[in-house]
Amino acid sequence: MINNMTDFEKTKQFLDSLCIYYELDDNSISFGNEIYPKHLNDDFDALEDYQKNSNIKGYNRFYTSFQFDYIGNFLSVGAWE
């Protein structure tokens, strides 16, 4: 069976399977201690619960970002502060 998914789609599917929250920005997928679902921004109790129970560990304000081209091919990954 041929997999017709792009690298972008495969990465999203992998992160979803691990219940890792991420943000999409143009052609990138980012996640980290300071990145969380935007719908939590106005719900402080839910945000506090998310941060306490998140399966993303590391230093505050660090994040990881995967970069893809316009058709979904993987370009690079970086870990940033």
C-alpha atoms as a PDB file:
ATOM      1  CA  MET A   1       0.000   0.000   0.000  1.00  0.00           C
ATOM      2  CA  ILE A   2       1.345   3.419  -0.970  1.00  0.00           C
ATOM      3  CA  ASN A   3       1.181   6.173   1.596  1.00  0.00           C
ATOM      4  CA  ASN A   4       0.186   9.423  -0.129  1.00  0.00           C
ATOM      5  CA  MET A   5       0.511  11.579   2.981  1.00  0.00           C
ATOM      6  CA  THR A   6       2.942  14.478   2.973  1.00  0.00           C
ATOM      7  CA  ASP A   7       5.660  14.825   5.618  1.00  0.00           C
ATOM      8  CA  PHE A   8       3.565  17.640   7.109  1.00  0.00           C
ATOM      9  CA  GLU A   9       0.499  15.377   7.412  1.00  0.00           C
ATOM     10  CA  LYS A  10       2.559  12.476   8.803  1.00  0.00           C
ATOM     11  CA  THR A  11       4.120  14.728  11.449  1.00  0.00           C
ATOM     12  CA  LYS A  12       0.699  16.055  12.519  1.00  0.00           C
ATOM     13  CA  GLN A  13      -0.656  12.501  12.672  1.00  0.00           C
ATOM     14  CA  PHE A  14       2.309  11.364  14.799  1.00  0.00           C
ATOM     15  CA  LEU A  15       1.944  14.263  17.259  1.00  0.00           C
ATOM     16  CA  ASP A  16      -1.819  13.690  17.443  1.00  0.00           C
ATOM     17  CA  SER A  17      -1.249   9.998  18.222  1.00  0.00           C
ATOM     18  CA  LEU A  18       0.890  11.033  21.227  1.00  0.00           C
ATOM     19  CA  CYS A  19      -1.608  13.718  22.338  1.00  0.00           C
ATOM     20  CA  ILE A  20       1.011  16.435  21.921  1.00  0.00           C
ATOM     21  CA  TYR A  21      -0.614  19.831  21.452  1.00  0.00           C
ATOM     22  CA  TYR A  22       0.916  21.983  18.720  1.00  0.00           C
ATOM     23  CA  GLU A  23       0.332  25.178  16.804  1.00  0.00           C
ATOM     24  CA  LEU A  24       0.339  25.559  13.043  1.00  0.00           C
ATOM     25  CA  ASP A  25       1.897  28.649  11.519  1.00  0.00           C
ATOM     26  CA  ASP A  26       2.180  28.819   7.731  1.00  0.00           C
ATOM     27  CA  ASN A  27       4.417  25.849   6.913  1.00  0.00           C
ATOM     28  CA  SER A  28       5.513  24.946  10.430  1.00  0.00           C
ATOM     29  CA  ILE A  29       4.392  22.865  13.389  1.00  0.00           C
ATOM     30  CA  SER A  30       5.549  24.093  16.806  1.00  0.00           C
ATOM     31  CA  PHE A  31       5.175  22.745  20.322  1.00  0.00           C
ATOM     32  CA  GLY A  32       6.689  23.426  23.724  1.00  0.00           C
ATOM     33  CA  ASN A  33       6.028  24.536  27.282  1.00  0.00           C
ATOM     34  CA  GLU A  34       4.759  27.963  26.245  1.00  0.00           C
ATOM     35  CA  ILE A  35       2.644  26.761  23.299  1.00  0.00           C
ATOM     36  CA  TYR A  36      -0.822  25.452  24.019  1.00  0.00           C
ATOM     37  CA  PRO A  37      -4.213  25.297  22.314  1.00  0.00           C
ATOM     38  CA  LYS A  38      -5.369  28.839  21.583  1.00  0.00           C
ATOM     39  CA  HIS A  39      -8.876  28.075  22.859  1.00  0.00           C
ATOM     40  CA  LEU A  40      -7.409  27.855  26.379  1.00  0.00           C
ATOM     41  CA  ASN A  41      -6.220  31.486  26.324  1.00  0.00           C
ATOM     42  CA  ASP A  42      -9.451  32.763  27.904  1.00  0.00           C
ATOM     43  CA  ASP A  43      -9.994  29.812  30.265  1.00  0.00           C
ATOM     44  CA  PHE A  44      -7.430  30.190  33.050  1.00  0.00           C
ATOM     45  CA  ASP A  45      -8.506  27.033  34.917  1.00  0.00           C
ATOM     46  CA  ALA A  46      -8.205  24.920  31.763  1.00  0.00           C
ATOM     47  CA  LEU A  47      -4.860  26.527  30.922  1.00  0.00           C
ATOM     48  CA  GLU A  48      -3.467  25.814  34.395  1.00  0.00           C
ATOM     49  CA  ASP A  49      -4.698  22.208  34.175  1.00  0.00           C
ATOM     50  CA  TYR A  50      -3.156  21.834  30.704  1.00  0.00           C
ATOM     51  CA  GLN A  51       0.225  23.148  31.832  1.00  0.00           C
ATOM     52  CA  LYS A  52       0.224  20.914  34.924  1.00  0.00           C
ATOM     53  CA  ASN A  53      -0.712  17.756  32.993  1.00  0.00           C
ATOM     54  CA  SER A  54       1.060  18.380  29.696  1.00  0.00           C
ATOM     55  CA  ASN A  55       3.222  15.570  28.352  1.00  0.00           C
ATOM     56  CA  ILE A  56       5.672  18.151  26.976  1.00  0.00           C
ATOM     57  CA  LYS A  57       8.592  18.572  29.351  1.00  0.00           C
ATOM     58  CA  GLY A  58      11.507  20.990  29.340  1.00  0.00           C
ATOM     59  CA  TYR A  59      12.503  24.505  30.270  1.00  0.00           C
ATOM     60  CA  ASN A  60       9.945  27.298  30.154  1.00  0.00           C
ATOM     61  CA  ARG A  61       9.944  29.324  26.952  1.00  0.00           C
ATOM     62  CA  PHE A  62      11.675  26.583  24.928  1.00  0.00           C
ATOM     63  CA  TYR A  63       9.912  25.109  21.927  1.00  0.00           C
ATOM     64  CA  THR A  64      10.464  22.831  18.951  1.00  0.00           C
ATOM     65  CA  SER A  65       9.468  23.706  15.410  1.00  0.00           C
ATOM     66  CA  PHE A  66       9.290  21.569  12.269  1.00  0.00           C
ATOM     67  CA  GLN A  67       9.537  23.443   8.951  1.00  0.00           C
ATOM     68  CA  PHE A  68       7.965  22.249   5.680  1.00  0.00           C
ATOM     69  CA  ASP A  69       7.868  23.588   2.145  1.00  0.00           C
ATOM     70  CA  TYR A  70       4.640  24.738   0.490  1.00  0.00           C
ATOM     71  CA  ILE A  71       3.709  21.204  -0.629  1.00  0.00           C
ATOM     72  CA  GLY A  72       4.397  19.564   2.721  1.00  0.00           C
ATOM     73  CA  ASN A  73       7.948  18.224   2.320  1.00  0.00           C
ATOM     74  CA  PHE A  74      10.080  18.281   5.474  1.00  0.00           C
ATOM     75  CA  LEU A  75      12.817  20.944   5.446  1.00  0.00           C
ATOM     76  CA  SER A  76      14.219  21.197   8.998  1.00  0.00           C
ATOM     77  CA  VAL A  77      13.576  20.953  12.714  1.00  0.00           C
ATOM     78  CA  GLY A  78      14.871  23.267  15.426  1.00  0.00           C
ATOM     79  CA  ALA A  79      14.734  23.578  19.186  1.00  0.00           C
ATOM     80  CA  TRP A  80      14.605  27.177  20.338  1.00  0.00           C
ATOM     81  CA  GLU A  81      14.584  29.351  23.411  1.00  0.00           C
END
